Structure formats: structure tokens, C-alpha cells
Amino acid sequence: MAEDIRDFDGALDPARARGLLAALERVRADAERGATLDVELLRGWQRHVLGTARPPEFRTQPAFAKEGRKRYGIGPDTRARLDACLAESASGAGRPRLTARAARAYLDVCFFHPFDDGNARAAFLTLVFVLARERVPLRHVGLLRRVSFQAGDPEGALVFARFVENAAG
């Protein structure tokens, strides 16, 4: 993961790579200590991702991506709904297999779009956290970080879950 970040993100912007690497260290430490995955945890990582002095707030306005073609709404319960989805990534009886939970958490962050910037990086860190919490590393991440899926495309979600299954070691 670190190599991909240094190569891919470093080529875009060295500061971006440094921030993502710092966030990755925090993700690993949070997984090791058994932190609960919720929006507050994401905010802490996002502070490093974005290089800000304080964690960014959960967005309060509709968000747009893909040059304005994609709109992400907001409601009074959006943050609570995301927290509920993230809670489902934990292991437990009757829960789906780990890689499916990790893929779902990634897609939830993408589709809830909780921040004004850096949501794809937040989603990637979320996936890493879910796997690391159960001590499962990712062998390769390039494809996971460069493929895009449409919200509401159940086949795309299944393909992404297969990507995660293949990348997890």
C-alpha cells in the first residue's frame, strides 16, 4: 500500500502522498487498538489526508463529484445512517465474510460522500481498516484505487467485492 501511495499519489502531489501515508499509519494503529469504525474515526484520518489542523466536519450541503454529474444529497439523518452502515463492518455471527464487509464499507463511504474533499481516499482507508482490524493485509491495491463504480449498480458492487477478495492476503 505504501509503495502504491508513494508512486501514484506522490506523482500527483508529494504532499498528498505524505498525508495519505500519515493517515495509513493512523488507520493501522486504530485497527490494532480495536477502534470502532464511525464517522469520528474517519474524520481523524481525513485530517491527515487533507493536511488540515483539525478534522474536517461532516458535510452539511449536497456534494457533487465527477465534474458535477454526480450529486450526493444530505438529510438530518445522513451521518447517523453512515455510522450505522459502518458499524455493520464489524465481525459477528451471521455477518457476511470479511472481504464483503470491507467492500461494503468502502462503497458506503463513497456513496455517502461524507466530506467536501478526499472521499475516495477515505473509502480506501476504511477498507484497509476493516481488513487490518482482523489482521488481513492487502497484497496489491492499484486496481482497488483506480476503478470507479456507479451508485445503485449491484453488479458493480459484486465486482468490487471480488477485487477486494483477490487483493486480500
N, C-alpha and C. Protein backbone atom coordinates (compact mmCIF):
# COMPACT_ATOMS: atom_id res chain seq x y z
N MET A 1 0.81 -1.19 0.00
CA MET A 1 0.00 0.00 0.00
C MET A 1 0.85 1.25 0.00
N ALA A 2 1.86 1.27 0.87
CA ALA A 2 2.70 2.46 0.95
C ALA A 2 3.41 2.71 -0.38
N GLU A 3 3.84 1.65 -1.03
CA GLU A 3 4.52 1.81 -2.32
C GLU A 3 3.57 2.41 -3.35
N ASP A 4 2.33 1.93 -3.38
CA ASP A 4 1.34 2.47 -4.32
C ASP A 4 1.08 3.94 -4.02
N ILE A 5 0.97 4.27 -2.75
CA ILE A 5 0.74 5.68 -2.37
C ILE A 5 1.91 6.55 -2.80
N ARG A 6 3.13 6.08 -2.53
CA ARG A 6 4.30 6.87 -2.92
C ARG A 6 4.36 7.04 -4.44
N ASP A 7 4.07 5.97 -5.19
CA ASP A 7 4.15 6.03 -6.65
C ASP A 7 2.99 6.83 -7.25
N PHE A 8 1.77 6.44 -6.93
CA PHE A 8 0.60 7.04 -7.56
C PHE A 8 0.32 8.45 -7.03
N ASP A 9 0.12 8.55 -5.71
CA ASP A 9 -0.21 9.84 -5.12
C ASP A 9 0.98 10.79 -5.15
N GLY A 10 2.18 10.22 -4.95
CA GLY A 10 3.38 11.04 -4.99
C GLY A 10 3.59 11.70 -6.34
N ALA A 11 3.21 11.00 -7.41
CA ALA A 11 3.31 11.58 -8.75
C ALA A 11 2.33 12.73 -8.94
N LEU A 12 1.16 12.63 -8.29
CA LEU A 12 0.17 13.71 -8.37
C LEU A 12 0.60 14.91 -7.54
N ASP A 13 1.04 14.60 -6.30
CA ASP A 13 1.41 15.68 -5.37
C ASP A 13 2.12 15.05 -4.18
N PRO A 14 3.38 15.36 -3.96
CA PRO A 14 4.11 14.77 -2.83
C PRO A 14 3.43 15.01 -1.47
N ALA A 15 2.82 16.17 -1.29
CA ALA A 15 2.13 16.45 -0.03
C ALA A 15 0.93 15.53 0.14
N ARG A 16 0.25 15.26 -0.94
CA ARG A 16 -0.89 14.33 -0.90
C ARG A 16 -0.41 12.95 -0.45
N ALA A 17 0.70 12.48 -0.99
CA ALA A 17 1.25 11.18 -0.60
C ALA A 17 1.63 11.17 0.86
N ARG A 18 2.29 12.23 1.33
CA ARG A 18 2.68 12.29 2.75
C ARG A 18 1.45 12.23 3.66
N GLY A 19 0.41 12.96 3.30
CA GLY A 19 -0.81 12.97 4.11
C GLY A 19 -1.47 11.60 4.14
N LEU A 20 -1.54 10.96 2.99
CA LEU A 20 -2.16 9.64 2.93
C LEU A 20 -1.34 8.60 3.68
N LEU A 21 -0.02 8.70 3.60
CA LEU A 21 0.84 7.78 4.37
C LEU A 21 0.68 7.99 5.87
N ALA A 22 0.56 9.24 6.30
CA ALA A 22 0.33 9.52 7.72
C ALA A 22 -1.02 8.95 8.16
N ALA A 23 -2.03 9.11 7.32
CA ALA A 23 -3.35 8.57 7.64
C ALA A 23 -3.31 7.04 7.69
N LEU A 24 -2.56 6.43 6.79
CA LEU A 24 -2.43 4.98 6.77
C LEU A 24 -1.82 4.47 8.07
N GLU A 25 -0.81 5.17 8.59
CA GLU A 25 -0.23 4.78 9.87
C GLU A 25 -1.27 4.84 10.97
N ARG A 26 -2.07 5.88 10.95
CA ARG A 26 -3.11 6.02 11.97
C ARG A 26 -4.17 4.93 11.83
N VAL A 27 -4.54 4.60 10.59
CA VAL A 27 -5.51 3.52 10.34
C VAL A 27 -5.01 2.22 10.96
N ARG A 28 -3.75 1.91 10.70
CA ARG A 28 -3.17 0.67 11.24
C ARG A 28 -3.17 0.67 12.76
N ALA A 29 -2.81 1.80 13.36
CA ALA A 29 -2.81 1.90 14.82
C ALA A 29 -4.22 1.78 15.38
N ASP A 30 -5.18 2.42 14.73
CA ASP A 30 -6.57 2.33 15.18
C ASP A 30 -7.10 0.90 15.07
N ALA A 31 -6.73 0.21 14.00
CA ALA A 31 -7.15 -1.19 13.84
C ALA A 31 -6.53 -2.06 14.94
N GLU A 32 -5.27 -1.81 15.22
CA GLU A 32 -4.55 -2.58 16.24
C GLU A 32 -5.19 -2.42 17.62
N ARG A 33 -5.63 -1.22 17.92
CA ARG A 33 -6.22 -0.97 19.24
C ARG A 33 -7.71 -1.32 19.30
N GLY A 34 -8.26 -1.77 18.16
CA GLY A 34 -9.66 -2.20 18.13
C GLY A 34 -10.66 -1.07 18.15
N ALA A 35 -10.31 0.05 17.53
CA ALA A 35 -11.21 1.21 17.48
C ALA A 35 -12.51 0.86 16.77
N THR A 36 -13.55 1.58 17.13
CA THR A 36 -14.85 1.43 16.49
C THR A 36 -14.87 2.27 15.22
N LEU A 37 -15.30 1.67 14.13
CA LEU A 37 -15.38 2.40 12.86
C LEU A 37 -16.64 3.25 12.84
N ASP A 38 -16.42 4.56 12.81
CA ASP A 38 -17.53 5.50 12.72
C ASP A 38 -17.03 6.79 12.06
N VAL A 39 -17.91 7.74 11.91
CA VAL A 39 -17.56 8.98 11.24
C VAL A 39 -16.44 9.72 11.99
N GLU A 40 -16.45 9.68 13.31
CA GLU A 40 -15.39 10.36 14.07
C GLU A 40 -14.02 9.79 13.75
N LEU A 41 -13.93 8.47 13.61
CA LEU A 41 -12.67 7.86 13.25
C LEU A 41 -12.24 8.32 11.85
N LEU A 42 -13.19 8.33 10.92
CA LEU A 42 -12.89 8.81 9.56
C LEU A 42 -12.40 10.25 9.58
N ARG A 43 -13.02 11.08 10.39
CA ARG A 43 -12.62 12.49 10.47
C ARG A 43 -11.16 12.61 10.92
N GLY A 44 -10.76 11.78 11.87
CA GLY A 44 -9.38 11.81 12.32
C GLY A 44 -8.40 11.45 11.22
N TRP A 45 -8.73 10.43 10.44
CA TRP A 45 -7.87 10.06 9.31
C TRP A 45 -7.86 11.17 8.27
N GLN A 46 -9.03 11.75 8.05
CA GLN A 46 -9.18 12.75 6.98
C GLN A 46 -8.36 14.00 7.26
N ARG A 47 -8.13 14.30 8.53
CA ARG A 47 -7.28 15.44 8.88
C ARG A 47 -5.89 15.26 8.26
N HIS A 48 -5.38 14.02 8.30
CA HIS A 48 -4.07 13.74 7.70
C HIS A 48 -4.17 13.73 6.17
N VAL A 49 -5.22 13.13 5.66
CA VAL A 49 -5.41 13.05 4.21
C VAL A 49 -5.41 14.45 3.59
N LEU A 50 -6.11 15.36 4.23
CA LEU A 50 -6.25 16.70 3.68
C LEU A 50 -5.19 17.68 4.18
N GLY A 51 -4.41 17.26 5.17
CA GLY A 51 -3.36 18.14 5.70
C GLY A 51 -3.92 19.34 6.42
N THR A 52 -4.97 19.13 7.21
CA THR A 52 -5.60 20.24 7.93
C THR A 52 -5.25 20.15 9.42
N ALA A 53 -5.34 21.28 10.10
CA ALA A 53 -5.02 21.33 11.53
C ALA A 53 -6.06 20.58 12.36
N ARG A 54 -7.30 20.61 11.91
CA ARG A 54 -8.38 19.94 12.64
C ARG A 54 -9.10 18.99 11.70
N PRO A 55 -9.75 17.98 12.26
CA PRO A 55 -10.52 17.08 11.41
C PRO A 55 -11.64 17.84 10.69
N PRO A 56 -11.87 17.52 9.43
CA PRO A 56 -12.95 18.21 8.69
C PRO A 56 -14.32 17.81 9.24
N GLU A 57 -15.24 18.70 9.11
CA GLU A 57 -16.61 18.41 9.53
C GLU A 57 -17.31 17.52 8.51
N PHE A 58 -18.31 16.80 8.97
CA PHE A 58 -19.19 16.07 8.07
C PHE A 58 -19.91 17.12 7.24
N ARG A 59 -20.01 16.88 5.97
CA ARG A 59 -20.60 17.92 5.10
C ARG A 59 -22.04 18.22 5.49
N THR A 60 -22.46 19.45 5.25
CA THR A 60 -23.82 19.89 5.60
C THR A 60 -24.63 20.28 4.38
N GLN A 61 -24.00 20.27 3.22
CA GLN A 61 -24.66 20.65 1.97
C GLN A 61 -24.58 19.49 0.99
N PRO A 62 -25.43 19.47 -0.03
CA PRO A 62 -25.27 18.45 -1.07
C PRO A 62 -23.86 18.53 -1.65
N ALA A 63 -23.34 17.39 -2.05
CA ALA A 63 -21.99 17.34 -2.63
C ALA A 63 -22.09 16.90 -4.08
N PHE A 64 -21.08 17.28 -4.84
CA PHE A 64 -21.05 16.94 -6.25
C PHE A 64 -19.69 16.34 -6.58
N ALA A 65 -19.67 15.40 -7.49
CA ALA A 65 -18.43 14.76 -7.93
C ALA A 65 -18.53 14.54 -9.43
N LYS A 66 -17.42 14.06 -10.00
CA LYS A 66 -17.36 13.74 -11.43
C LYS A 66 -17.82 14.93 -12.27
N GLU A 67 -17.19 16.08 -11.96
CA GLU A 67 -17.46 17.32 -12.69
C GLU A 67 -18.93 17.73 -12.62
N GLY A 68 -19.55 17.48 -11.47
CA GLY A 68 -20.93 17.88 -11.25
C GLY A 68 -21.98 16.90 -11.72
N ARG A 69 -21.56 15.81 -12.35
CA ARG A 69 -22.54 14.83 -12.86
C ARG A 69 -23.14 13.99 -11.72
N LYS A 70 -22.43 13.86 -10.62
CA LYS A 70 -22.88 13.04 -9.51
C LYS A 70 -23.27 13.93 -8.35
N ARG A 71 -24.49 13.77 -7.84
CA ARG A 71 -24.96 14.57 -6.71
C ARG A 71 -25.20 13.64 -5.52
N TYR A 72 -24.71 14.06 -4.36
CA TYR A 72 -24.90 13.32 -3.12
C TYR A 72 -25.73 14.19 -2.20
N GLY A 73 -26.93 13.74 -1.91
CA GLY A 73 -27.83 14.51 -1.07
C GLY A 73 -27.41 14.51 0.39
N ILE A 74 -28.14 15.27 1.18
CA ILE A 74 -27.87 15.36 2.62
C ILE A 74 -29.22 15.49 3.32
N GLY A 75 -29.33 14.88 4.45
CA GLY A 75 -30.53 14.98 5.26
C GLY A 75 -30.15 14.99 6.72
N PRO A 76 -31.11 15.20 7.59
CA PRO A 76 -30.79 15.28 9.02
C PRO A 76 -30.25 13.97 9.59
N ASP A 77 -30.50 12.86 8.91
CA ASP A 77 -30.05 11.57 9.43
C ASP A 77 -28.89 10.96 8.63
N THR A 78 -28.30 11.71 7.70
CA THR A 78 -27.26 11.15 6.83
C THR A 78 -26.07 10.63 7.63
N ARG A 79 -25.59 11.41 8.57
CA ARG A 79 -24.43 10.98 9.36
C ARG A 79 -24.78 9.74 10.18
N ALA A 80 -25.93 9.71 10.80
CA ALA A 80 -26.33 8.54 11.60
C ALA A 80 -26.48 7.30 10.72
N ARG A 81 -27.00 7.50 9.52
CA ARG A 81 -27.12 6.36 8.60
C ARG A 81 -25.76 5.82 8.20
N LEU A 82 -24.79 6.71 7.94
CA LEU A 82 -23.44 6.25 7.62
C LEU A 82 -22.83 5.53 8.81
N ASP A 83 -22.97 6.07 10.01
CA ASP A 83 -22.44 5.39 11.19
C ASP A 83 -23.05 3.99 11.33
N ALA A 84 -24.34 3.85 11.07
CA ALA A 84 -25.00 2.53 11.16
C ALA A 84 -24.42 1.58 10.11
N CYS A 85 -24.19 2.07 8.91
CA CYS A 85 -23.59 1.23 7.87
C CYS A 85 -22.18 0.81 8.25
N LEU A 86 -21.39 1.75 8.76
CA LEU A 86 -20.01 1.43 9.15
C LEU A 86 -19.98 0.41 10.29
N ALA A 87 -20.94 0.48 11.19
CA ALA A 87 -21.00 -0.48 12.30
C ALA A 87 -21.20 -1.90 11.78
N GLU A 88 -21.84 -2.04 10.64
CA GLU A 88 -22.08 -3.36 10.07
C GLU A 88 -20.81 -4.00 9.51
N SER A 89 -19.70 -3.26 9.50
CA SER A 89 -18.45 -3.83 9.01
C SER A 89 -17.76 -4.71 10.06
N ALA A 90 -18.22 -4.64 11.29
CA ALA A 90 -17.60 -5.43 12.36
C ALA A 90 -17.95 -6.91 12.19
N SER A 91 -17.07 -7.75 12.71
CA SER A 91 -17.34 -9.18 12.63
C SER A 91 -18.43 -9.54 13.62
N GLY A 92 -19.06 -10.66 13.37
CA GLY A 92 -20.10 -11.13 14.27
C GLY A 92 -20.88 -12.26 13.62
N ALA A 93 -21.59 -12.97 14.45
CA ALA A 93 -22.39 -14.09 13.96
C ALA A 93 -23.40 -13.60 12.94
N GLY A 94 -23.50 -14.34 11.85
CA GLY A 94 -24.46 -14.02 10.82
C GLY A 94 -24.05 -12.90 9.88
N ARG A 95 -22.88 -12.33 10.09
CA ARG A 95 -22.39 -11.26 9.21
C ARG A 95 -21.75 -11.86 7.97
N PRO A 96 -21.75 -11.12 6.87
CA PRO A 96 -21.08 -11.61 5.65
C PRO A 96 -19.57 -11.78 5.89
N ARG A 97 -18.93 -12.43 4.94
CA ARG A 97 -17.49 -12.65 5.07
C ARG A 97 -16.74 -11.32 5.08
N LEU A 98 -15.54 -11.35 5.62
CA LEU A 98 -14.74 -10.15 5.85
C LEU A 98 -14.58 -9.29 4.61
N THR A 99 -14.19 -9.88 3.49
CA THR A 99 -13.94 -9.06 2.30
C THR A 99 -15.21 -8.39 1.79
N ALA A 100 -16.34 -9.04 1.97
CA ALA A 100 -17.61 -8.41 1.57
C ALA A 100 -17.92 -7.23 2.49
N ARG A 101 -17.65 -7.37 3.78
CA ARG A 101 -17.87 -6.27 4.72
C ARG A 101 -16.93 -5.10 4.42
N ALA A 102 -15.68 -5.41 4.07
CA ALA A 102 -14.72 -4.36 3.74
C ALA A 102 -15.14 -3.62 2.47
N ALA A 103 -15.57 -4.37 1.46
CA ALA A 103 -16.02 -3.76 0.21
C ALA A 103 -17.25 -2.89 0.46
N ARG A 104 -18.17 -3.38 1.26
CA ARG A 104 -19.38 -2.62 1.57
C ARG A 104 -19.04 -1.32 2.29
N ALA A 105 -18.12 -1.38 3.26
CA ALA A 105 -17.74 -0.17 4.00
C ALA A 105 -17.12 0.85 3.05
N TYR A 106 -16.26 0.37 2.14
CA TYR A 106 -15.64 1.25 1.13
C TYR A 106 -16.72 1.94 0.31
N LEU A 107 -17.65 1.16 -0.20
CA LEU A 107 -18.70 1.72 -1.06
C LEU A 107 -19.62 2.65 -0.28
N ASP A 108 -19.88 2.32 1.00
CA ASP A 108 -20.71 3.22 1.81
C ASP A 108 -20.07 4.59 1.92
N VAL A 109 -18.76 4.62 2.19
CA VAL A 109 -18.08 5.92 2.29
C VAL A 109 -18.15 6.65 0.95
N CYS A 110 -17.92 5.93 -0.13
CA CYS A 110 -18.00 6.57 -1.45
C CYS A 110 -19.39 7.16 -1.70
N PHE A 111 -20.42 6.40 -1.40
CA PHE A 111 -21.77 6.80 -1.77
C PHE A 111 -22.42 7.77 -0.78
N PHE A 112 -21.95 7.77 0.48
CA PHE A 112 -22.44 8.79 1.41
C PHE A 112 -21.69 10.10 1.21
N HIS A 113 -20.45 10.01 0.72
CA HIS A 113 -19.63 11.18 0.40
C HIS A 113 -19.60 12.15 1.60
N PRO A 114 -19.04 11.70 2.74
CA PRO A 114 -19.16 12.48 3.98
C PRO A 114 -18.38 13.79 4.03
N PHE A 115 -17.39 13.95 3.18
CA PHE A 115 -16.53 15.13 3.27
C PHE A 115 -16.57 15.94 1.97
N ASP A 116 -16.15 17.17 2.08
CA ASP A 116 -16.10 18.02 0.90
C ASP A 116 -15.00 17.60 -0.06
N ASP A 117 -13.96 16.93 0.45
CA ASP A 117 -12.84 16.51 -0.38
C ASP A 117 -12.24 15.23 0.18
N GLY A 118 -11.63 14.44 -0.69
CA GLY A 118 -10.88 13.27 -0.26
C GLY A 118 -11.70 12.03 0.05
N ASN A 119 -12.90 11.93 -0.47
CA ASN A 119 -13.76 10.80 -0.13
C ASN A 119 -13.26 9.47 -0.67
N ALA A 120 -12.65 9.44 -1.84
CA ALA A 120 -12.11 8.18 -2.36
C ALA A 120 -10.97 7.69 -1.47
N ARG A 121 -10.14 8.61 -1.00
CA ARG A 121 -9.06 8.23 -0.09
C ARG A 121 -9.63 7.77 1.24
N ALA A 122 -10.68 8.43 1.73
CA ALA A 122 -11.33 8.00 2.98
C ALA A 122 -11.92 6.60 2.82
N ALA A 123 -12.49 6.32 1.67
CA ALA A 123 -13.07 5.00 1.41
C ALA A 123 -11.98 3.94 1.40
N PHE A 124 -10.87 4.23 0.75
CA PHE A 124 -9.75 3.29 0.71
C PHE A 124 -9.23 3.01 2.12
N LEU A 125 -9.07 4.05 2.93
CA LEU A 125 -8.60 3.86 4.30
C LEU A 125 -9.60 3.05 5.11
N THR A 126 -10.88 3.24 4.86
CA THR A 126 -11.91 2.47 5.54
C THR A 126 -11.78 0.99 5.20
N LEU A 127 -11.58 0.66 3.94
CA LEU A 127 -11.40 -0.72 3.52
C LEU A 127 -10.16 -1.32 4.21
N VAL A 128 -9.07 -0.59 4.22
CA VAL A 128 -7.84 -1.05 4.86
C VAL A 128 -8.09 -1.32 6.34
N PHE A 129 -8.81 -0.41 7.00
CA PHE A 129 -9.11 -0.56 8.42
C PHE A 129 -9.91 -1.83 8.70
N VAL A 130 -10.96 -2.05 7.93
CA VAL A 130 -11.81 -3.23 8.16
C VAL A 130 -10.99 -4.51 8.05
N LEU A 131 -10.12 -4.57 7.06
CA LEU A 131 -9.27 -5.75 6.90
C LEU A 131 -8.21 -5.83 8.00
N ALA A 132 -7.56 -4.70 8.29
CA ALA A 132 -6.48 -4.69 9.29
C ALA A 132 -6.99 -5.02 10.68
N ARG A 133 -8.21 -4.65 10.96
CA ARG A 133 -8.80 -4.94 12.27
C ARG A 133 -8.83 -6.44 12.52
N GLU A 134 -8.91 -7.22 11.42
CA GLU A 134 -8.89 -8.68 11.54
C GLU A 134 -7.57 -9.26 11.04
N ARG A 135 -6.57 -8.38 10.95
CA ARG A 135 -5.20 -8.76 10.60
C ARG A 135 -5.07 -9.40 9.21
N VAL A 136 -5.82 -8.87 8.27
CA VAL A 136 -5.74 -9.34 6.89
C VAL A 136 -5.13 -8.22 6.05
N PRO A 137 -3.96 -8.46 5.48
CA PRO A 137 -3.30 -7.42 4.66
C PRO A 137 -3.84 -7.42 3.23
N LEU A 138 -3.59 -6.33 2.54
CA LEU A 138 -3.85 -6.25 1.11
C LEU A 138 -2.54 -6.51 0.39
N ARG A 139 -2.55 -7.43 -0.55
CA ARG A 139 -1.34 -7.75 -1.31
C ARG A 139 -1.06 -6.71 -2.38
N HIS A 140 -2.09 -6.23 -3.02
CA HIS A 140 -1.94 -5.21 -4.06
C HIS A 140 -3.19 -4.34 -4.05
N VAL A 141 -3.00 -3.05 -4.32
CA VAL A 141 -4.11 -2.12 -4.18
C VAL A 141 -4.38 -1.28 -5.42
N GLY A 142 -3.51 -1.35 -6.41
CA GLY A 142 -3.65 -0.48 -7.58
C GLY A 142 -5.03 -0.51 -8.19
N LEU A 143 -5.53 -1.69 -8.48
CA LEU A 143 -6.85 -1.80 -9.11
C LEU A 143 -7.96 -1.29 -8.19
N LEU A 144 -7.85 -1.59 -6.91
CA LEU A 144 -8.87 -1.13 -5.97
C LEU A 144 -8.97 0.39 -5.93
N ARG A 145 -7.86 1.05 -6.12
CA ARG A 145 -7.83 2.51 -6.01
C ARG A 145 -8.13 3.22 -7.32
N ARG A 146 -8.21 2.49 -8.42
CA ARG A 146 -8.35 3.16 -9.71
C ARG A 146 -9.62 2.79 -10.47
N VAL A 147 -10.43 1.94 -9.91
CA VAL A 147 -11.67 1.54 -10.56
C VAL A 147 -12.81 2.31 -9.92
N SER A 148 -13.74 2.75 -10.73
CA SER A 148 -14.87 3.52 -10.25
C SER A 148 -16.16 2.76 -10.51
N PHE A 149 -17.11 2.90 -9.59
CA PHE A 149 -18.40 2.21 -9.71
C PHE A 149 -19.52 3.21 -9.55
N GLN A 150 -20.66 2.90 -10.15
CA GLN A 150 -21.82 3.76 -10.05
C GLN A 150 -22.68 3.35 -8.86
N ALA A 151 -23.17 4.32 -8.12
CA ALA A 151 -24.09 4.04 -7.03
C ALA A 151 -25.33 3.36 -7.61
N GLY A 152 -25.82 2.41 -6.91
CA GLY A 152 -27.03 1.71 -7.36
C GLY A 152 -26.77 0.62 -8.37
N ASP A 153 -25.50 0.32 -8.67
CA ASP A 153 -25.17 -0.75 -9.62
C ASP A 153 -24.78 -2.00 -8.82
N PRO A 154 -25.73 -2.91 -8.57
CA PRO A 154 -25.42 -4.07 -7.74
C PRO A 154 -24.36 -4.98 -8.36
N GLU A 155 -24.30 -5.06 -9.67
CA GLU A 155 -23.26 -5.88 -10.29
C GLU A 155 -21.88 -5.27 -10.09
N GLY A 156 -21.78 -3.95 -10.16
CA GLY A 156 -20.52 -3.28 -9.91
C GLY A 156 -20.04 -3.51 -8.49
N ALA A 157 -20.97 -3.50 -7.53
CA ALA A 157 -20.60 -3.77 -6.14
C ALA A 157 -20.06 -5.19 -5.99
N LEU A 158 -20.66 -6.14 -6.68
CA LEU A 158 -20.17 -7.52 -6.62
C LEU A 158 -18.79 -7.66 -7.24
N VAL A 159 -18.57 -6.96 -8.34
CA VAL A 159 -17.25 -6.98 -8.98
C VAL A 159 -16.22 -6.38 -8.03
N PHE A 160 -16.56 -5.27 -7.39
CA PHE A 160 -15.63 -4.66 -6.46
C PHE A 160 -15.33 -5.61 -5.30
N ALA A 161 -16.34 -6.28 -4.78
CA ALA A 161 -16.11 -7.25 -3.69
C ALA A 161 -15.16 -8.35 -4.14
N ARG A 162 -15.26 -8.77 -5.39
CA ARG A 162 -14.32 -9.78 -5.91
C ARG A 162 -12.91 -9.20 -6.00
N PHE A 163 -12.78 -7.94 -6.38
CA PHE A 163 -11.47 -7.28 -6.40
C PHE A 163 -10.84 -7.32 -5.02
N VAL A 164 -11.65 -7.00 -4.01
CA VAL A 164 -11.15 -6.99 -2.62
C VAL A 164 -10.74 -8.40 -2.21
N GLU A 165 -11.55 -9.37 -2.56
CA GLU A 165 -11.22 -10.78 -2.24
C GLU A 165 -9.89 -11.18 -2.86
N ASN A 166 -9.66 -10.79 -4.10
CA ASN A 166 -8.41 -11.13 -4.78
C ASN A 166 -7.21 -10.36 -4.21
N ALA A 167 -7.43 -9.16 -3.75
CA ALA A 167 -6.33 -8.33 -3.25
C ALA A 167 -5.95 -8.67 -1.81
N ALA A 168 -6.91 -9.22 -1.06
CA ALA A 168 -6.63 -9.54 0.36
C ALA A 168 -5.81 -10.81 0.45
N GLY A 169 -4.86 -10.80 1.38
CA GLY A 169 -3.97 -11.95 1.51
C GLY A 169 -4.22 -12.74 2.70
